[in-house]
Protein backbone atom coordinates (compact mmCIF):
# COMPACT_ATOMS: atom_id res chain seq x y z
CA MET A 1 91.85 108.63 63.32
CA MET A 2 88.97 106.89 65.16
CA MET A 3 91.14 103.78 65.53
CA ASN A 4 93.81 105.80 67.37
CA CYS A 5 91.18 107.47 69.55
CA TYR A 6 89.71 104.14 70.62
CA SER A 7 93.17 102.73 71.28
CA LYS A 8 94.22 105.71 73.40
CA GLU A 9 91.02 105.40 75.45
CA GLY A 10 91.60 101.67 75.91
CA LYS A 11 88.30 100.83 74.17
CA ILE A 12 89.48 97.53 72.74
CA ASP A 13 86.14 96.11 71.60
CA GLU A 14 85.28 99.29 69.72
CA ALA A 15 88.75 99.40 68.12
CA ILE A 16 88.52 95.77 66.93
CA GLN A 17 84.97 96.30 65.64
CA LEU A 18 86.12 99.33 63.68
CA PHE A 19 89.03 97.31 62.29
CA SER A 20 86.62 94.59 61.13
CA GLU A 21 84.36 97.17 59.49
CA MET A 22 87.33 98.59 57.59
CA ILE A 23 88.19 95.15 56.21
CA GLU A 24 84.54 94.39 55.27
CA ARG A 25 84.22 97.67 53.39
CA GLY A 26 87.43 97.11 51.49
CA CYS A 27 89.26 99.87 53.31
CA ASP A 28 92.78 98.65 53.92
CA PRO A 29 94.18 99.65 57.34
CA ASP A 30 97.69 101.04 57.37
CA VAL A 31 100.61 100.09 59.61
CA VAL A 32 99.79 102.92 62.03
CA ASN A 33 96.35 101.38 62.69
CA ILE A 34 97.86 97.93 63.24
CA ASN A 35 100.58 99.23 65.57
CA SER A 36 97.96 101.05 67.62
CA LEU A 37 95.85 97.89 67.90
CA ILE A 38 98.82 95.71 68.90
CA ASP A 39 99.80 98.17 71.62
CA THR A 40 96.22 98.39 72.96
CA LEU A 41 95.81 94.61 73.01
CA TYR A 42 99.13 94.06 74.79
CA LYS A 43 98.34 96.66 77.44
CA ALA A 44 94.99 94.95 78.03
CA ASP A 45 96.80 91.61 78.60
CA GLN A 46 95.31 90.17 75.39
CA VAL A 47 98.73 88.90 74.40
CA ASP A 48 97.63 86.15 71.99
CA GLU A 49 95.39 88.59 70.13
CA ALA A 50 98.26 91.09 69.90
CA TRP A 51 100.55 88.50 68.29
CA ALA A 52 97.75 87.33 66.02
CA MET A 53 97.38 90.91 64.81
CA PHE A 54 101.15 91.03 64.19
CA CYS A 55 100.92 87.85 62.08
CA ARG A 56 98.06 89.32 60.04
CA MET A 57 100.39 92.09 58.90
CA THR A 58 102.07 89.59 56.58
CA GLU A 59 98.69 88.61 55.10
CA MET A 60 97.91 92.28 54.52
CA LYS A 61 101.39 92.81 53.06
CA LEU A 62 102.20 95.47 55.64
CA PRO A 63 105.89 95.47 56.66
CA PRO A 64 106.39 95.89 60.44
CA THR A 65 108.08 99.12 61.51
CA VAL A 66 110.38 100.08 64.34
CA VAL A 67 107.27 101.01 66.34
CA THR A 68 105.82 97.54 65.80
CA PHE A 69 108.91 95.80 67.13
CA ASN A 70 109.33 98.25 70.02
CA THR A 71 105.78 97.44 71.14
CA LEU A 72 106.33 93.68 70.93
CA LEU A 73 109.71 93.82 72.66
CA ALA A 74 108.23 95.88 75.48
CA GLY A 75 105.50 93.30 75.92
CA LEU A 76 107.96 90.40 75.97
CA GLY A 77 110.05 92.30 78.48
CA ARG A 78 107.07 92.74 80.81
CA GLU A 79 106.35 89.02 80.55
CA GLY A 80 109.96 88.11 81.32
CA LYS A 81 110.40 86.31 78.00
CA VAL A 82 113.97 87.39 77.41
CA GLN A 83 114.92 84.59 75.02
CA GLU A 84 111.86 85.28 72.86
CA ALA A 85 112.79 88.98 72.88
CA VAL A 86 116.32 88.15 71.72
CA GLU A 87 115.00 85.93 68.91
CA LEU A 88 112.57 88.64 67.81
CA PHE A 89 115.36 91.19 67.82
CA GLU A 90 117.57 88.96 65.67
CA SER A 91 114.75 88.62 63.13
CA ILE A 92 114.28 92.37 62.76
CA THR A 93 116.94 93.00 60.11
CA ALA A 94 115.77 89.95 58.16
CA GLN A 95 112.39 91.65 57.80
CA GLY A 96 113.96 94.79 56.40
CA CYS A 97 113.64 96.89 59.56
CA HIS A 98 116.67 98.61 61.05
CA PRO A 99 116.68 98.59 64.86
CA ASN A 100 117.37 101.69 66.90
CA THR A 101 118.54 102.28 70.46
CA ILE A 102 114.99 102.31 71.76
CA TYR A 103 115.29 98.52 71.81
CA LEU A 104 118.22 98.71 74.14
CA GLN A 105 116.38 101.13 76.37
CA TYR A 106 113.82 98.40 77.00
CA THR A 107 116.71 96.40 78.41
CA SER A 108 117.28 99.06 81.03
CA ARG A 109 113.72 98.67 82.35
CA LEU A 110 114.39 95.14 83.49
CA PRO A 111 116.59 96.05 86.50
CA LEU A 112 113.69 98.14 87.78
CA GLU A 113 111.79 94.85 88.03
CA ASN A 114 114.73 93.11 89.82
CA ARG A 115 115.65 91.16 86.71
CA VAL A 116 119.27 92.18 86.34
CA ASN A 117 120.38 88.87 84.83
CA ASP A 118 117.74 89.16 82.12
CA ALA A 119 118.76 92.75 81.43
CA PHE A 120 122.43 91.88 81.15
CA LEU A 121 121.75 88.94 78.83
CA PHE A 122 119.52 91.03 76.58
CA PHE A 123 121.99 93.91 76.56
CA HIS A 124 124.92 91.78 75.39
CA GLN A 125 122.84 90.05 72.74
CA MET A 126 121.62 93.36 71.36
CA ARG A 127 125.08 94.93 71.43
CA LYS A 128 126.15 92.56 68.67
CA MET A 129 123.89 94.45 66.30
CA LEU A 130 123.35 97.82 67.93
CA TYR A 131 125.56 100.34 69.68
CA PRO A 132 124.01 101.49 73.01
CA ASP A 133 123.56 105.16 73.73
CA ASN A 134 123.99 107.12 76.96
CA ILE A 135 120.33 106.80 77.93
CA THR A 136 120.60 103.02 77.86
CA LEU A 137 123.78 102.96 79.95
CA CYS A 138 122.55 105.54 82.45
CA THR A 139 119.51 103.40 83.19
CA LEU A 140 121.02 99.93 82.98
CA LEU A 141 124.23 100.46 84.95
CA PRO A 142 122.65 101.77 88.18
CA GLY A 143 120.47 98.66 88.29
CA VAL A 144 123.55 96.45 87.89
CA VAL A 145 125.41 98.35 90.63
CA LYS A 146 122.39 98.33 92.94
CA ASP A 147 122.37 94.55 92.61
CA GLY A 148 125.94 94.54 93.93
CA ARG A 149 127.49 93.58 90.60
CA ILE A 150 130.05 96.35 90.33
CA GLU A 151 132.56 94.12 88.54
CA ASP A 152 129.95 93.36 85.87
CA ALA A 153 129.56 97.06 85.30
CA PHE A 154 133.27 97.34 84.60
CA LYS A 155 133.15 94.40 82.17
CA MET A 156 131.41 96.66 79.73
CA PRO A 157 133.82 97.98 77.09
CA THR A 158 135.41 101.25 78.22
CA ALA A 159 134.55 102.75 74.85
CA LEU A 160 130.94 102.81 75.99
CA PHE A 161 131.75 105.34 78.69
CA THR A 162 131.54 108.87 77.39
CA ARG A 163 134.10 111.56 78.19
CA ASN A 164 131.77 113.21 80.71
CA ASP A 165 130.16 112.04 83.92
CA SER A 166 126.68 111.40 82.52
CA VAL A 167 127.17 107.69 83.21
CA LEU A 168 129.15 108.15 86.44
CA ILE A 169 126.57 110.30 88.25
CA PRO A 170 123.67 107.76 88.15
CA LEU A 171 126.06 105.05 89.34
CA ILE A 172 127.43 106.85 92.38
CA LYS A 173 123.96 108.14 93.30
CA VAL A 174 122.65 104.59 93.52
CA MET A 175 125.68 103.41 95.48
CA CYS A 176 125.53 106.27 97.98
CA LYS A 177 121.80 105.73 98.43
CA HIS A 178 122.57 102.14 99.42
CA LYS A 179 125.28 103.20 101.92
CA GLN A 180 128.14 102.23 99.58
CA ALA A 181 129.96 105.57 99.65
CA LEU A 182 133.44 103.98 99.74
CA ASP A 183 132.67 101.87 96.67
CA ALA A 184 131.19 104.95 94.97
CA HIS A 185 134.39 106.88 95.64
CA GLU A 186 136.47 104.01 94.26
CA LEU A 187 134.31 104.10 91.14
CA PHE A 188 134.75 107.88 90.95
CA VAL A 189 138.55 107.53 91.12
CA LYS A 190 138.54 104.82 88.45
CA PHE A 191 136.35 106.82 86.07
CA THR A 192 138.34 110.01 86.48
CA GLY A 193 141.69 108.21 86.38
CA SER A 194 141.37 105.24 84.01
CA PHE A 195 138.72 106.64 81.66
CA GLY A 196 139.86 110.24 81.73
CA ILE A 197 136.39 111.53 82.62
CA GLN A 198 136.31 115.05 84.01
CA PRO A 199 134.35 115.21 87.27
CA THR A 200 131.71 117.86 87.86
CA LEU A 201 130.40 119.70 90.90
CA GLU A 202 127.46 117.30 91.07
CA ALA A 203 129.76 114.27 91.42
CA TYR A 204 131.53 115.87 94.39
CA TYR A 205 128.22 116.88 95.92
CA VAL A 206 126.83 113.33 95.72
CA LEU A 207 129.97 111.81 97.23
CA ILE A 208 130.20 114.33 100.08
CA GLU A 209 126.56 113.66 100.96
CA GLY A 210 127.22 109.91 100.75
CA PHE A 211 130.25 110.08 103.07
CA LEU A 212 128.40 112.16 105.66
CA ASP A 213 125.44 109.79 105.51
CA VAL A 214 127.65 106.87 106.63
CA HIS A 215 129.59 109.04 109.11
CA LEU A 216 132.83 109.10 107.13
CA THR A 217 133.24 112.77 107.97
CA GLU A 218 137.00 113.00 107.44
CA MET A 219 136.65 111.67 103.91
CA ALA A 220 133.80 114.10 103.24
CA TRP A 221 135.89 117.07 104.36
CA GLY A 222 138.87 115.75 102.40
CA LEU A 223 136.75 115.63 99.26
CA PHE A 224 135.47 119.13 99.99
CA LYS A 225 139.06 120.37 100.13
CA GLU A 226 139.91 118.47 96.93
CA MET A 227 137.04 119.97 94.97
CA LYS A 228 138.18 123.48 95.87
CA THR A 229 141.78 122.61 94.97
CA VAL A 230 140.81 121.47 91.46
CA GLY A 231 138.85 124.67 90.91
CA PHE A 232 135.23 123.89 91.77
CA ALA A 233 133.19 126.42 93.73
CA PRO A 234 130.98 124.60 96.26
CA ASP A 235 127.30 125.48 96.03
CA VAL A 236 124.93 126.23 98.91
CA PHE A 237 123.74 122.60 99.08
CA THR A 238 127.28 121.33 99.63
CA TYR A 239 127.88 123.95 102.31
CA ASN A 240 124.61 123.03 104.03
CA PHE A 241 125.65 119.38 104.35
CA LEU A 242 128.89 120.47 106.00
CA PHE A 243 127.15 123.02 108.24
CA ASP A 244 124.84 120.27 109.42
CA ASP A 245 127.81 118.00 110.20
CA LEU A 246 129.52 120.74 112.22
CA GLY A 247 126.32 121.51 114.11
CA LYS A 248 125.68 117.87 115.02
CA SER A 249 129.26 117.47 116.27
CA GLY A 250 129.12 120.68 118.31
CA ARG A 251 131.88 122.45 116.36
CA VAL A 252 130.12 125.79 116.41
CA ASP A 253 133.23 127.95 115.96
CA GLU A 254 133.97 126.10 112.73
CA ILE A 255 130.42 126.82 111.55
CA PHE A 256 131.19 130.52 111.56
CA GLU A 257 134.55 130.00 109.87
CA LEU A 258 132.82 128.06 107.10
CA TYR A 259 130.05 130.66 106.97
CA GLU A 260 132.61 133.42 106.37
CA GLU A 261 134.32 131.32 103.69
CA MET A 262 130.97 130.77 102.01
CA LEU A 263 130.26 134.48 101.88
CA SER A 264 133.77 135.32 100.66
CA ARG A 265 133.29 132.90 97.74
CA GLY A 266 130.09 134.69 96.74
CA CYS A 267 127.84 131.77 97.67
CA LYS A 268 124.57 133.12 99.09
CA PRO A 269 123.20 131.29 102.16
CA ASN A 270 119.59 130.13 102.04
CA THR A 271 117.01 129.56 104.77
CA ILE A 272 118.33 126.07 105.49
CA THR A 273 121.83 127.51 106.01
CA HIS A 274 120.63 130.04 108.55
CA ASN A 275 118.46 127.48 110.35
CA ILE A 276 121.47 125.19 110.75
CA VAL A 277 123.58 128.04 112.11
CA ILE A 278 120.84 129.02 114.59
CA ASP A 279 120.49 125.41 115.74
CA GLY A 280 124.26 125.11 116.20
CA LEU A 281 124.40 128.30 118.28
CA VAL A 282 121.59 127.13 120.55
CA LYS A 283 123.25 123.76 121.10
CA SER A 284 126.41 125.56 122.19
CA ASN A 285 124.37 127.63 124.69
CA ARG A 286 124.97 130.91 122.85
CA ILE A 287 121.39 132.11 123.11
CA GLU A 288 122.14 135.83 123.09
CA LYS A 289 124.17 135.50 119.92
CA THR A 290 121.37 133.40 118.41
CA VAL A 291 118.79 136.09 119.17
CA ASP A 292 121.07 138.79 117.68
CA LEU A 293 121.55 136.71 114.52
CA TYR A 294 117.80 136.12 114.26
CA TYR A 295 117.01 139.84 114.35
CA ASP A 296 119.80 140.60 111.86
CA LEU A 297 118.24 138.10 109.46
CA ILE A 298 114.68 139.33 110.03
CA SER A 299 115.75 142.86 109.19
CA GLY A 300 116.74 141.60 105.73
CA ASP A 301 114.87 139.37 103.29
CA PHE A 302 114.96 136.25 105.47
CA ASN A 303 111.74 134.24 105.70
CA PRO A 304 111.73 132.24 108.96
CA THR A 305 110.30 128.71 109.13
CA PRO A 306 109.32 126.44 112.05
CA CYS A 307 112.91 125.11 111.91
CA THR A 308 114.08 128.67 112.65
CA TYR A 309 111.92 129.13 115.72
CA GLY A 310 112.11 125.58 117.11
CA PRO A 311 115.75 125.69 118.36
CA LEU A 312 115.41 129.32 119.46
CA ILE A 313 112.27 128.72 121.57
CA ASP A 314 113.73 125.46 122.95
CA GLY A 315 116.94 127.19 124.03
CA LEU A 316 115.07 129.97 125.83
CA LEU A 317 112.77 127.51 127.61
CA LYS A 318 115.70 125.44 128.84
CA LEU A 319 117.20 128.59 130.34
CA GLY A 320 113.92 129.26 132.12
CA ASN A 321 113.06 132.30 129.97
CA LEU A 322 109.42 131.24 129.55
CA ASP A 323 108.05 134.71 128.81
CA GLU A 324 110.66 135.40 126.12
CA ALA A 325 110.01 131.99 124.57
CA ARG A 326 106.26 132.70 124.49
CA SER A 327 107.04 136.09 122.92
CA PHE A 328 108.96 134.41 120.09
CA PHE A 329 106.06 132.00 119.61
CA ASP A 330 103.67 134.94 119.22
CA GLU A 331 106.14 136.65 116.86
CA MET A 332 106.25 133.48 114.81
CA LEU A 333 102.50 133.79 114.25
CA ASP A 334 102.86 137.49 113.40
CA TYR A 335 105.26 136.57 110.59
CA GLY A 336 102.71 134.14 109.19
CA CYS A 337 104.80 131.12 110.13
CA LYS A 338 102.36 128.39 111.14
CA PRO A 339 103.56 126.26 114.08
CA ASN A 340 103.64 122.50 113.62
CA CYS A 341 103.46 119.61 116.07
CA ALA A 342 107.20 119.82 116.78
CA ILE A 343 106.92 123.48 117.86
CA TYR A 344 104.02 122.70 120.21
CA ASN A 345 105.94 119.75 121.66
CA ILE A 346 108.86 122.06 122.47
CA LEU A 347 106.51 124.56 124.15
CA ILE A 348 104.57 121.94 126.12
CA ASN A 349 107.80 120.37 127.33
CA GLY A 350 109.36 123.73 128.24
CA PHE A 351 106.39 125.09 130.17
CA GLY A 352 105.60 121.73 131.78
CA LYS A 353 109.16 121.11 132.97
CA GLY A 354 109.30 124.75 134.04
CA GLY A 355 106.45 124.12 136.48
CA ASP A 356 103.66 125.77 134.48
CA VAL A 357 101.62 122.66 133.74
CA GLU A 358 98.41 124.65 133.19
CA THR A 359 100.00 126.50 130.26
CA ALA A 360 101.36 123.19 128.96
CA CYS A 361 97.81 121.72 128.94
CA GLU A 362 96.47 124.92 127.39
CA LEU A 363 99.03 124.68 124.58
CA PHE A 364 98.18 121.01 124.02
CA ASN A 365 94.46 121.79 123.73
CA ARG A 366 95.20 124.76 121.48
CA MET A 367 97.19 122.53 119.16
CA VAL A 368 94.25 120.11 118.89
CA LYS A 369 91.82 122.99 118.33
CA GLU A 370 93.98 124.28 115.46
CA GLY A 371 93.71 120.92 113.73
CA ILE A 372 97.28 119.79 114.45
CA ARG A 373 97.24 116.11 115.43
CA PRO A 374 99.34 115.39 118.53
CA ASP A 375 101.87 112.60 118.09
CA LEU A 376 103.20 110.07 120.60
CA LYS A 377 105.80 112.57 121.78
CA SER A 378 103.09 115.17 122.52
CA TYR A 379 101.24 112.80 124.83
CA THR A 380 104.42 111.43 126.42
CA ILE A 381 105.67 114.92 127.29
CA LEU A 382 102.32 115.98 128.77
CA VAL A 383 101.91 112.78 130.79
CA ASP A 384 105.43 113.17 132.14
CA CYS A 385 104.86 116.79 133.18
CA LEU A 386 101.55 115.96 134.88
CA CYS A 387 103.07 113.04 136.77
CA MET A 388 105.94 115.26 137.92
CA VAL A 389 103.52 117.58 139.76
CA GLY A 390 101.38 114.72 141.10
CA LYS A 391 98.40 115.23 138.75
CA VAL A 392 98.08 111.53 138.04
CA ASP A 393 94.33 111.69 137.32
CA ASP A 394 94.99 114.18 134.51
CA ALA A 395 97.92 112.07 133.32
CA VAL A 396 95.66 109.00 133.20
CA HIS A 397 93.10 110.99 131.18
CA TYR A 398 95.66 111.89 128.49
CA PHE A 399 97.18 108.41 128.57
CA GLU A 400 93.73 106.90 127.89
CA GLU A 401 93.15 109.52 125.18
CA LEU A 402 96.48 108.52 123.60
CA LYS A 403 95.34 104.90 123.31
CA SER A 404 91.91 105.92 121.94
CA THR A 405 93.55 107.82 119.06
CA GLY A 406 95.06 104.62 117.71
CA ILE A 407 98.62 105.58 118.63
CA ASP A 408 100.38 102.71 120.39
CA PRO A 409 102.12 103.83 123.61
CA ASP A 410 105.79 102.90 123.70
CA LEU A 411 107.90 101.72 126.65
CA ILE A 412 108.75 105.31 127.58
CA SER A 413 105.05 106.20 127.90
CA TYR A 414 104.37 103.20 130.11
CA ASN A 415 107.43 103.88 132.24
CA LEU A 416 106.33 107.48 132.82
CA MET A 417 102.93 106.34 134.02
CA ILE A 418 104.50 103.67 136.23
CA ASN A 419 106.97 106.09 137.76
CA GLY A 420 104.24 108.69 138.35
CA MET A 421 102.04 106.18 140.10
CA LEU A 422 104.90 104.73 142.10
CA GLY A 423 105.55 108.22 143.41
CA LEU A 424 102.00 108.37 144.76
CA ILE A 425 102.30 104.87 146.17
CA VAL A 426 105.33 105.93 148.16
CA LEU A 427 103.34 108.88 149.53
CA ASP A 428 100.47 106.55 150.28
CA HIS A 429 102.66 104.60 152.70
CA PHE A 430 102.91 107.73 154.76
CA GLY A 431 99.31 108.85 154.86
CA CYS A 432 96.75 107.15 152.61
CA ASP A 433 94.26 104.60 153.93
CA SER A 434 93.97 101.06 152.59
CA VAL A 435 91.05 101.97 150.32
CA GLY A 436 93.19 104.56 148.57
CA LEU A 437 95.98 102.04 148.11
CA VAL A 438 93.67 99.43 146.58
CA THR A 439 92.08 102.01 144.26
CA LEU A 440 95.48 103.13 143.03
CA ALA A 441 96.63 99.54 142.58
CA MET A 442 93.55 98.74 140.46
CA LEU A 443 94.23 101.82 138.34
CA VAL A 444 97.77 100.64 137.73
CA VAL A 445 96.50 97.19 136.72
CA ARG A 446 94.03 98.69 134.23
CA LEU A 447 96.63 100.93 132.59
CA LEU A 448 99.72 98.83 132.62
CA LEU A 449 98.52 95.27 132.02
CA PRO A 450 99.82 95.36 128.38
CA CYS A 451 103.33 95.79 129.76
CA SER A 452 103.28 92.46 131.67
CA LYS A 453 106.88 92.15 132.92
CA ARG A 454 106.97 95.71 134.16
CA PHE A 455 103.52 95.17 135.74
CA GLN A 456 104.72 92.11 137.66
CA ARG A 457 107.62 94.06 139.16
CA LEU A 458 105.26 96.90 140.08
CA TRP A 459 102.78 94.56 141.71
CA SER A 460 105.55 93.07 143.84
CA GLU A 461 106.66 96.53 144.95
CA ILE A 462 103.12 97.37 146.07
CA PHE A 463 102.27 94.28 148.08
CA GLU A 464 105.65 93.15 149.35
CA SER A 465 106.38 96.50 151.01
């Protein structure tokens, strides 16, 4: 018992000392004690000592068990000693121990370490003596596919593939994640056709998401139609992917057609669904309908999120309805929905571009006071709005603050400052004295020196005019 406790705690010296005491007192350790010691030594990178302990088992007339060999094989796998692992595996039956599929599952760990060749070699050697199970295949095959070796995956005997999609799903997930949706679909067709595997809703879901991710929208919608034809009822996650596609492409009328279909099939929309619909309505300039939908939802059990209010507030601000937008912002707080940086950016931009720069600055300072860290977009929007109304000193203040926060200004930020200052320079030609011009020029040099090419063009504009 104490041996296991020391081993679990990683107290190697104490475990070895206890082992020595057992031997000295004539208390023979059992195979459980030895296995625990071997595992502890291997995990502590005392590899030689671990193998020495394994060799002592023969002296103590303790036959190794499946656990013993699993521990040693795992260690060899971590060291990349595939050939040694194969030789050890081949010696297992000679020592009266019958291997199990846990050995093969160690094979499947190798692709996770980018050692697909080693995994494949070990797998085929082991398969001569042991039949792999689904767990082994479901872990090994995705690694092979991820490495681009799809043909190697198909070289495995078809008898290994079960009559369900437990092997197919991990494969197509990996392929879609790596932007290989067409190859994943080809694999899907081959599995369902050649191997007679019945697809599931999850397989369709993964493929539809994969197609949309690489902008193969027609194929995604075709697969959506196919899944309904063969009798599958799309779930809310599948619908949400398609709603998002319709919203991004501006096909708002189709959003409502799909929404009605969803309801008629008994599929309940979730918050993400409603947020997508609201965003689509705003983008199609249907603000009144958006507001009506919002209040219909609020009257039920709908819990709004920042993604609900963001598009709604943005749409109202762009129409110049500043008061109504501010009212929705206040309502957002009443519902306990905490605004994030994106919401404040929308408000700052809307009020600033609407001519109310004071409120824009107030909102920016409020965001900081509430512990929400402004991002590059926050500063860029505020600097732009201040430059638009000629408040370059304030713009410079926030631009300097941006740099002091550790955020690197991008080209857009520099361009906004340049354009704002150029506007004042143009005015200067019609009324400022030479001292004012020089002061402004020095300010430009101080701010924009990091953007050298742009600075050179600006300098020419100032002194060649």
